[in-house]
N, C-alpha and C. Protein backbone atom coordinates (compact mmCIF):
# COMPACT_ATOMS: atom_id res chain seq x y z
N MET A 1 51.57 -36.68 1.86
CA MET A 1 50.49 -35.84 1.43
C MET A 1 49.45 -36.72 0.74
N ASN A 2 48.24 -36.72 1.33
CA ASN A 2 47.14 -37.50 0.77
C ASN A 2 46.27 -36.62 -0.10
N MET A 3 45.98 -37.10 -1.25
CA MET A 3 45.09 -36.37 -2.16
C MET A 3 43.91 -37.27 -2.47
N HIS A 4 42.76 -36.69 -2.45
CA HIS A 4 41.56 -37.42 -2.78
C HIS A 4 40.97 -36.85 -4.06
N LEU A 5 40.57 -37.72 -4.89
CA LEU A 5 39.89 -37.30 -6.11
C LEU A 5 38.40 -37.31 -5.85
N VAL A 6 37.74 -36.25 -6.25
CA VAL A 6 36.31 -36.16 -6.11
C VAL A 6 35.71 -36.14 -7.51
N ARG A 7 34.77 -37.02 -7.71
CA ARG A 7 34.15 -37.12 -9.02
C ARG A 7 33.26 -35.91 -9.26
N TRP A 8 33.44 -35.28 -10.39
CA TRP A 8 32.63 -34.11 -10.76
C TRP A 8 31.33 -34.59 -11.37
N GLU A 9 30.24 -34.09 -10.86
CA GLU A 9 28.93 -34.42 -11.39
C GLU A 9 28.28 -33.14 -11.91
N PRO A 10 28.43 -32.88 -13.19
CA PRO A 10 27.95 -31.60 -13.74
C PRO A 10 26.45 -31.42 -13.64
N PHE A 11 25.69 -32.52 -13.67
CA PHE A 11 24.23 -32.37 -13.61
C PHE A 11 23.77 -31.86 -12.26
N ARG A 12 24.46 -32.22 -11.20
CA ARG A 12 24.11 -31.72 -9.87
C ARG A 12 24.26 -30.20 -9.83
N GLU A 13 25.34 -29.69 -10.40
CA GLU A 13 25.56 -28.25 -10.42
C GLU A 13 24.61 -27.54 -11.38
N MET A 14 24.23 -28.21 -12.46
CA MET A 14 23.29 -27.61 -13.41
C MET A 14 21.91 -27.46 -12.80
N VAL A 15 21.51 -28.38 -11.95
CA VAL A 15 20.21 -28.26 -11.31
C VAL A 15 20.18 -27.01 -10.43
N SER A 16 21.24 -26.78 -9.67
CA SER A 16 21.24 -25.59 -8.82
C SER A 16 21.30 -24.32 -9.67
N LEU A 17 22.02 -24.35 -10.78
CA LEU A 17 22.06 -23.20 -11.67
C LEU A 17 20.67 -22.96 -12.26
N ARG A 18 19.98 -24.04 -12.60
CA ARG A 18 18.62 -23.91 -13.14
C ARG A 18 17.70 -23.28 -12.10
N GLN A 19 17.83 -23.70 -10.84
CA GLN A 19 17.00 -23.12 -9.79
C GLN A 19 17.26 -21.63 -9.65
N VAL A 20 18.52 -21.23 -9.74
CA VAL A 20 18.86 -19.81 -9.65
C VAL A 20 18.26 -19.05 -10.82
N MET A 21 18.36 -19.60 -12.02
CA MET A 21 17.80 -18.93 -13.19
C MET A 21 16.28 -18.82 -13.10
N ASP A 22 15.63 -19.89 -12.62
CA ASP A 22 14.18 -19.84 -12.44
C ASP A 22 13.78 -18.76 -11.46
N SER A 23 14.54 -18.67 -10.38
CA SER A 23 14.25 -17.65 -9.36
C SER A 23 14.42 -16.24 -9.93
N LEU A 24 15.50 -16.03 -10.68
CA LEU A 24 15.72 -14.71 -11.30
C LEU A 24 14.60 -14.37 -12.28
N PHE A 25 14.21 -15.35 -13.08
CA PHE A 25 13.15 -15.13 -14.06
C PHE A 25 11.85 -14.79 -13.35
N GLU A 26 11.51 -15.55 -12.31
CA GLU A 26 10.27 -15.30 -11.59
C GLU A 26 10.29 -13.92 -10.94
N ASP A 27 11.41 -13.57 -10.32
CA ASP A 27 11.50 -12.27 -9.65
C ASP A 27 11.37 -11.11 -10.63
N SER A 28 11.98 -11.23 -11.80
CA SER A 28 11.97 -10.10 -12.72
C SER A 28 10.74 -10.04 -13.61
N MET A 29 10.18 -11.20 -13.98
CA MET A 29 9.07 -11.20 -14.90
C MET A 29 7.71 -11.29 -14.22
N VAL A 30 7.60 -12.13 -13.23
CA VAL A 30 6.31 -12.34 -12.58
C VAL A 30 6.03 -11.23 -11.57
N HIS A 31 7.03 -10.81 -10.83
CA HIS A 31 6.87 -9.78 -9.81
C HIS A 31 7.87 -8.65 -10.08
N PRO A 32 7.63 -7.84 -11.09
CA PRO A 32 8.63 -6.84 -11.47
C PRO A 32 8.87 -5.77 -10.42
N ALA A 33 7.88 -5.40 -9.65
CA ALA A 33 8.06 -4.33 -8.67
C ALA A 33 8.00 -4.91 -7.26
N ARG A 34 9.15 -5.07 -6.66
CA ARG A 34 9.18 -5.58 -5.29
C ARG A 34 8.99 -4.39 -4.36
N LEU A 35 7.73 -4.07 -4.12
CA LEU A 35 7.42 -2.87 -3.35
C LEU A 35 7.36 -3.12 -1.86
N TRP A 36 7.07 -4.33 -1.47
CA TRP A 36 6.88 -4.64 -0.07
C TRP A 36 7.79 -5.77 0.35
N THR A 37 7.80 -6.07 1.63
CA THR A 37 8.63 -7.15 2.13
C THR A 37 8.04 -8.49 1.77
N GLY A 38 8.71 -9.53 2.12
CA GLY A 38 8.18 -10.86 1.88
C GLY A 38 8.46 -11.30 0.47
N ASN A 39 7.46 -11.81 -0.20
CA ASN A 39 7.66 -12.44 -1.50
C ASN A 39 7.45 -11.49 -2.67
N GLY A 40 7.32 -10.20 -2.44
CA GLY A 40 7.16 -9.27 -3.54
C GLY A 40 5.74 -9.15 -4.03
N ARG A 41 4.78 -9.77 -3.37
CA ARG A 41 3.39 -9.72 -3.80
C ARG A 41 2.59 -8.73 -2.96
N GLY A 42 3.23 -7.72 -2.43
CA GLY A 42 2.52 -6.72 -1.65
C GLY A 42 2.24 -7.17 -0.23
N GLU A 43 3.04 -8.09 0.28
CA GLU A 43 2.83 -8.53 1.65
C GLU A 43 3.64 -7.68 2.61
N PHE A 44 3.24 -7.70 3.85
CA PHE A 44 3.91 -6.95 4.89
C PHE A 44 3.94 -7.82 6.14
N LYS A 45 4.73 -7.43 7.09
CA LYS A 45 4.93 -8.24 8.30
C LYS A 45 3.77 -8.06 9.26
N ILE A 46 3.36 -9.18 9.88
CA ILE A 46 2.31 -9.13 10.90
C ILE A 46 2.70 -9.98 12.10
N ASP A 47 2.11 -9.65 13.23
CA ASP A 47 2.15 -10.48 14.43
C ASP A 47 0.69 -10.76 14.78
N MET A 48 0.40 -11.98 15.21
CA MET A 48 -0.94 -12.31 15.67
C MET A 48 -0.80 -13.09 16.97
N TYR A 49 -1.55 -12.67 17.98
CA TYR A 49 -1.53 -13.39 19.25
C TYR A 49 -2.92 -13.32 19.86
N GLN A 50 -3.12 -14.13 20.90
CA GLN A 50 -4.43 -14.12 21.55
C GLN A 50 -4.26 -13.87 23.04
N THR A 51 -5.27 -13.21 23.58
CA THR A 51 -5.39 -13.03 25.01
C THR A 51 -6.59 -13.88 25.43
N GLU A 52 -6.98 -13.76 26.66
CA GLU A 52 -8.13 -14.54 27.11
C GLU A 52 -9.40 -14.15 26.35
N ASP A 53 -9.54 -12.86 26.02
CA ASP A 53 -10.78 -12.37 25.41
C ASP A 53 -10.67 -11.99 23.93
N ASN A 54 -9.45 -11.79 23.41
CA ASN A 54 -9.29 -11.24 22.07
C ASN A 54 -8.23 -11.96 21.25
N VAL A 55 -8.34 -11.78 19.93
CA VAL A 55 -7.25 -12.10 19.01
C VAL A 55 -6.75 -10.74 18.53
N VAL A 56 -5.44 -10.52 18.61
CA VAL A 56 -4.86 -9.24 18.24
C VAL A 56 -3.93 -9.45 17.04
N VAL A 57 -4.13 -8.63 16.01
CA VAL A 57 -3.29 -8.65 14.82
C VAL A 57 -2.59 -7.31 14.74
N LYS A 58 -1.26 -7.33 14.66
CA LYS A 58 -0.48 -6.10 14.50
C LYS A 58 0.22 -6.17 13.16
N ALA A 59 0.02 -5.14 12.34
CA ALA A 59 0.61 -5.09 11.00
C ALA A 59 1.55 -3.89 10.92
N SER A 60 2.73 -4.13 10.40
CA SER A 60 3.72 -3.08 10.23
C SER A 60 3.51 -2.43 8.86
N LEU A 61 3.06 -1.18 8.88
CA LEU A 61 2.78 -0.44 7.64
C LEU A 61 3.45 0.93 7.68
N PRO A 62 4.78 0.98 7.69
CA PRO A 62 5.47 2.27 7.77
C PRO A 62 5.20 3.15 6.56
N GLY A 63 4.98 4.42 6.81
CA GLY A 63 4.75 5.37 5.73
C GLY A 63 3.35 5.37 5.16
N ILE A 64 2.50 4.49 5.67
CA ILE A 64 1.12 4.39 5.17
C ILE A 64 0.22 5.29 6.02
N LYS A 65 -0.73 5.93 5.36
CA LYS A 65 -1.71 6.75 6.07
C LYS A 65 -2.93 5.89 6.40
N PRO A 66 -3.59 6.15 7.52
CA PRO A 66 -4.77 5.36 7.88
C PRO A 66 -5.83 5.30 6.78
N GLU A 67 -6.00 6.39 6.04
CA GLU A 67 -7.02 6.40 4.99
C GLU A 67 -6.63 5.55 3.77
N GLU A 68 -5.38 5.07 3.72
CA GLU A 68 -4.94 4.21 2.63
C GLU A 68 -5.15 2.73 2.95
N VAL A 69 -5.73 2.42 4.12
CA VAL A 69 -5.88 1.03 4.58
C VAL A 69 -7.35 0.65 4.62
N ASP A 70 -7.66 -0.56 4.13
CA ASP A 70 -9.01 -1.11 4.18
C ASP A 70 -8.91 -2.47 4.86
N ILE A 71 -9.76 -2.70 5.86
CA ILE A 71 -9.74 -3.96 6.61
C ILE A 71 -11.11 -4.61 6.48
N SER A 72 -11.11 -5.92 6.20
CA SER A 72 -12.37 -6.65 6.15
C SER A 72 -12.19 -7.99 6.85
N VAL A 73 -13.29 -8.47 7.45
CA VAL A 73 -13.30 -9.78 8.11
C VAL A 73 -14.44 -10.56 7.49
N THR A 74 -14.10 -11.69 6.86
CA THR A 74 -15.10 -12.56 6.26
C THR A 74 -14.89 -13.96 6.82
N GLY A 75 -15.84 -14.40 7.63
CA GLY A 75 -15.68 -15.71 8.27
C GLY A 75 -14.48 -15.69 9.19
N ASP A 76 -13.50 -16.56 8.90
CA ASP A 76 -12.30 -16.62 9.72
C ASP A 76 -11.09 -15.99 9.04
N VAL A 77 -11.32 -15.17 7.99
CA VAL A 77 -10.22 -14.55 7.26
C VAL A 77 -10.26 -13.03 7.43
N VAL A 78 -9.12 -12.48 7.87
CA VAL A 78 -8.95 -11.04 7.99
C VAL A 78 -8.12 -10.59 6.79
N THR A 79 -8.61 -9.59 6.07
CA THR A 79 -7.89 -9.07 4.92
C THR A 79 -7.55 -7.60 5.17
N ILE A 80 -6.27 -7.29 5.03
CA ILE A 80 -5.78 -5.91 5.16
C ILE A 80 -5.21 -5.54 3.80
N ARG A 81 -5.76 -4.49 3.21
CA ARG A 81 -5.31 -4.09 1.89
C ARG A 81 -5.30 -2.58 1.77
N GLY A 82 -4.67 -2.11 0.73
CA GLY A 82 -4.65 -0.67 0.49
C GLY A 82 -3.69 -0.33 -0.63
N GLU A 83 -3.44 0.95 -0.76
CA GLU A 83 -2.51 1.43 -1.78
C GLU A 83 -1.78 2.66 -1.26
N HIS A 84 -0.47 2.59 -1.36
CA HIS A 84 0.37 3.72 -0.95
C HIS A 84 0.77 4.45 -2.23
N LYS A 85 0.27 5.68 -2.36
CA LYS A 85 0.48 6.44 -3.60
C LYS A 85 1.71 7.33 -3.49
N GLU A 86 2.35 7.51 -4.63
CA GLU A 86 3.50 8.39 -4.69
C GLU A 86 3.07 9.84 -4.52
N GLU A 87 4.01 10.67 -4.06
CA GLU A 87 3.72 12.09 -3.90
C GLU A 87 3.53 12.71 -5.28
N PRO A 88 2.45 13.48 -5.45
CA PRO A 88 2.23 14.10 -6.75
C PRO A 88 3.19 15.27 -6.98
N GLY A 89 3.47 15.52 -8.23
CA GLY A 89 4.26 16.70 -8.58
C GLY A 89 5.75 16.47 -8.67
N ILE A 90 6.25 15.30 -8.33
CA ILE A 90 7.68 15.04 -8.44
C ILE A 90 7.92 14.21 -9.70
N LYS A 91 8.70 14.76 -10.59
CA LYS A 91 8.99 14.05 -11.84
C LYS A 91 9.99 12.94 -11.58
N GLU A 92 9.85 11.88 -12.34
CA GLU A 92 10.71 10.70 -12.17
C GLU A 92 12.19 11.06 -12.31
N GLU A 93 12.53 11.92 -13.26
CA GLU A 93 13.93 12.29 -13.48
C GLU A 93 14.50 13.17 -12.37
N ALA A 94 13.64 13.73 -11.52
CA ALA A 94 14.11 14.57 -10.42
C ALA A 94 14.65 13.76 -9.24
N TYR A 95 14.30 12.49 -9.18
CA TYR A 95 14.76 11.65 -8.07
C TYR A 95 16.26 11.36 -8.18
N LEU A 96 16.96 11.56 -7.10
CA LEU A 96 18.35 11.15 -7.01
C LEU A 96 18.43 9.73 -6.45
N ARG A 97 17.48 9.41 -5.60
CA ARG A 97 17.35 8.08 -5.01
C ARG A 97 15.88 7.86 -4.72
N LYS A 98 15.37 6.67 -5.02
CA LYS A 98 13.96 6.39 -4.79
C LYS A 98 13.84 5.00 -4.17
N GLU A 99 13.66 4.95 -2.84
CA GLU A 99 13.61 3.69 -2.12
C GLU A 99 12.29 3.46 -1.39
N GLN A 100 11.44 4.47 -1.33
CA GLN A 100 10.15 4.31 -0.66
C GLN A 100 9.31 3.29 -1.41
N ARG A 101 8.44 2.62 -0.68
CA ARG A 101 7.59 1.60 -1.27
C ARG A 101 6.25 2.22 -1.65
N TYR A 102 5.88 2.04 -2.91
CA TYR A 102 4.62 2.55 -3.40
C TYR A 102 3.88 1.44 -4.11
N GLY A 103 2.56 1.57 -4.16
CA GLY A 103 1.75 0.59 -4.87
C GLY A 103 0.76 -0.07 -3.93
N SER A 104 0.08 -1.06 -4.46
CA SER A 104 -0.95 -1.72 -3.66
C SER A 104 -0.33 -2.79 -2.78
N PHE A 105 -1.02 -3.08 -1.69
CA PHE A 105 -0.59 -4.12 -0.77
C PHE A 105 -1.82 -4.87 -0.28
N CYS A 106 -1.64 -6.13 0.05
CA CYS A 106 -2.74 -6.95 0.52
C CYS A 106 -2.20 -8.14 1.29
N ARG A 107 -2.87 -8.48 2.37
CA ARG A 107 -2.52 -9.66 3.14
C ARG A 107 -3.79 -10.24 3.74
N ALA A 108 -4.04 -11.50 3.49
CA ALA A 108 -5.20 -12.20 4.05
C ALA A 108 -4.67 -13.27 4.99
N ILE A 109 -5.15 -13.27 6.23
CA ILE A 109 -4.70 -14.24 7.22
C ILE A 109 -5.90 -14.92 7.85
N THR A 110 -5.71 -16.17 8.18
CA THR A 110 -6.78 -16.94 8.82
C THR A 110 -6.66 -16.81 10.32
N VAL A 111 -7.77 -16.49 10.96
CA VAL A 111 -7.82 -16.40 12.42
C VAL A 111 -8.23 -17.79 12.93
N PRO A 112 -7.44 -18.37 13.84
CA PRO A 112 -7.68 -19.76 14.24
C PRO A 112 -8.85 -20.00 15.19
N VAL A 113 -9.50 -18.95 15.65
CA VAL A 113 -10.66 -19.10 16.55
C VAL A 113 -11.79 -18.21 16.05
N ASP A 114 -13.01 -18.51 16.47
CA ASP A 114 -14.16 -17.70 16.09
C ASP A 114 -14.10 -16.35 16.80
N VAL A 115 -14.36 -15.30 16.04
CA VAL A 115 -14.35 -13.94 16.60
C VAL A 115 -15.64 -13.22 16.23
N LYS A 116 -15.90 -12.15 16.97
CA LYS A 116 -17.06 -11.29 16.69
C LYS A 116 -16.57 -10.15 15.81
N SER A 117 -16.71 -10.31 14.50
CA SER A 117 -16.17 -9.30 13.58
C SER A 117 -16.87 -7.96 13.71
N ASP A 118 -18.13 -7.96 14.12
CA ASP A 118 -18.86 -6.70 14.26
C ASP A 118 -18.38 -5.88 15.46
N LYS A 119 -17.60 -6.47 16.34
CA LYS A 119 -17.08 -5.77 17.53
C LYS A 119 -15.58 -5.46 17.39
N ALA A 120 -15.01 -5.69 16.20
CA ALA A 120 -13.58 -5.47 15.98
C ALA A 120 -13.23 -3.99 16.06
N GLU A 121 -12.02 -3.71 16.53
CA GLU A 121 -11.52 -2.34 16.61
C GLU A 121 -10.15 -2.26 15.96
N ALA A 122 -9.90 -1.16 15.23
CA ALA A 122 -8.61 -0.96 14.58
C ALA A 122 -8.03 0.38 15.02
N VAL A 123 -6.76 0.36 15.41
CA VAL A 123 -6.05 1.58 15.82
C VAL A 123 -4.76 1.64 15.01
N PHE A 124 -4.45 2.83 14.47
CA PHE A 124 -3.24 3.02 13.68
C PHE A 124 -2.37 4.03 14.40
N GLU A 125 -1.17 3.59 14.80
CA GLU A 125 -0.28 4.49 15.54
C GLU A 125 1.17 4.19 15.18
N ASN A 126 1.91 5.22 14.80
CA ASN A 126 3.34 5.12 14.49
C ASN A 126 3.64 4.03 13.46
N GLY A 127 2.82 3.92 12.44
CA GLY A 127 3.05 2.95 11.39
C GLY A 127 2.65 1.52 11.73
N ILE A 128 2.02 1.33 12.88
CA ILE A 128 1.57 -0.01 13.29
C ILE A 128 0.05 -0.01 13.37
N LEU A 129 -0.56 -0.91 12.62
CA LEU A 129 -2.00 -1.11 12.67
C LEU A 129 -2.27 -2.21 13.69
N THR A 130 -3.10 -1.93 14.69
CA THR A 130 -3.46 -2.93 15.69
C THR A 130 -4.94 -3.20 15.56
N LEU A 131 -5.26 -4.45 15.22
CA LEU A 131 -6.63 -4.88 15.04
C LEU A 131 -6.97 -5.82 16.19
N THR A 132 -8.00 -5.47 16.97
CA THR A 132 -8.43 -6.27 18.10
C THR A 132 -9.77 -6.91 17.76
N LEU A 133 -9.79 -8.25 17.76
CA LEU A 133 -10.98 -9.02 17.42
C LEU A 133 -11.45 -9.78 18.65
N PRO A 134 -12.59 -9.39 19.24
CA PRO A 134 -13.08 -10.12 20.42
C PRO A 134 -13.45 -11.56 20.06
N LYS A 135 -13.07 -12.48 20.93
CA LYS A 135 -13.41 -13.89 20.71
C LYS A 135 -14.89 -14.11 20.95
N SER A 136 -15.46 -15.07 20.24
CA SER A 136 -16.84 -15.48 20.48
C SER A 136 -16.92 -16.13 21.86
N GLU A 137 -18.08 -16.06 22.44
CA GLU A 137 -18.26 -16.63 23.79
C GLU A 137 -17.92 -18.11 23.82
N GLU A 138 -18.18 -18.83 22.73
CA GLU A 138 -17.96 -20.27 22.71
C GLU A 138 -16.49 -20.64 22.87
N VAL A 139 -15.57 -19.76 22.42
CA VAL A 139 -14.16 -20.11 22.46
C VAL A 139 -13.41 -19.51 23.64
N LYS A 140 -14.07 -18.64 24.40
CA LYS A 140 -13.40 -18.07 25.57
C LYS A 140 -13.18 -19.15 26.62
N THR A 141 -12.06 -19.05 27.27
CA THR A 141 -11.76 -20.00 28.34
C THR A 141 -12.57 -19.63 29.57
N ARG A 142 -13.24 -20.59 30.09
CA ARG A 142 -14.02 -20.36 31.30
C ARG A 142 -13.45 -21.22 32.41
N SER A 143 -13.38 -20.65 33.58
CA SER A 143 -12.96 -21.46 34.71
C SER A 143 -14.22 -21.86 35.48
N ILE A 144 -14.22 -23.07 35.92
CA ILE A 144 -15.37 -23.61 36.65
C ILE A 144 -14.91 -23.94 38.06
N LYS A 145 -15.62 -23.40 39.01
CA LYS A 145 -15.30 -23.67 40.41
C LYS A 145 -15.81 -25.07 40.77
N VAL A 146 -14.99 -25.78 41.45
CA VAL A 146 -15.37 -27.11 41.90
C VAL A 146 -15.88 -26.98 43.32
N LYS A 147 -17.08 -27.43 43.52
CA LYS A 147 -17.66 -27.38 44.86
C LYS A 147 -17.32 -28.68 45.59
N VAL A 148 -16.97 -28.52 46.82
CA VAL A 148 -16.64 -29.68 47.63
C VAL A 148 -17.88 -30.07 48.41
N LYS A 149 -18.29 -31.28 48.25
CA LYS A 149 -19.46 -31.77 48.93
C LYS A 149 -18.99 -32.60 50.11
N GLU A 150 -19.39 -32.18 51.28
CA GLU A 150 -18.95 -32.89 52.47
C GLU A 150 -19.75 -34.17 52.62
N ALA A 151 -19.05 -35.19 52.97
CA ALA A 151 -19.72 -36.47 53.17
C ALA A 151 -20.58 -36.40 54.43
N ILE A 152 -21.76 -36.95 54.31
CA ILE A 152 -22.67 -36.96 55.46
C ILE A 152 -22.23 -38.07 56.40
N LYS A 153 -21.98 -37.67 57.60
CA LYS A 153 -21.54 -38.66 58.58
C LYS A 153 -22.77 -39.33 59.15
N SER A 154 -22.77 -40.57 59.06
CA SER A 154 -23.92 -41.32 59.60
C SER A 154 -23.64 -41.69 61.05
N LYS A 155 -24.66 -41.57 61.83
CA LYS A 155 -24.53 -41.90 63.25
C LYS A 155 -24.91 -43.36 63.42
N LYS A 156 -24.08 -44.08 64.04
CA LYS A 156 -24.34 -45.50 64.28
C LYS A 156 -24.41 -45.77 65.73
């Protein structure tokens, strides 16, 4: 039976304990209400992709009403923000369970290509916000036809 001794290094374990304590402190003191997904700062999940003519941003906003959402485009930054308010008339002590997300939310994302913000369209359906941003003409892919020039045959 072979036994190996492993040297205990308490400082290595203390560093990881310190990281855990820092994380707990930050979560409870800096961001007390984790209302949304992500880092607790009111962020929500998005998908962004491009087609030949558009950049499309899809944001998952379950339980949010369209009138609770504000969208702005400034330069190359799209900002989606709003506030999901609690239902009025329900007293806090009446809740048996309270898991819905309430409060303000905001997400600013950079669009990697130039878009025409004045032509943007937003559609809200089944908790998904779909923002379609037409690309500027300069960034659209253009195909160029190559013309074949026949060589002139010289008569000799």
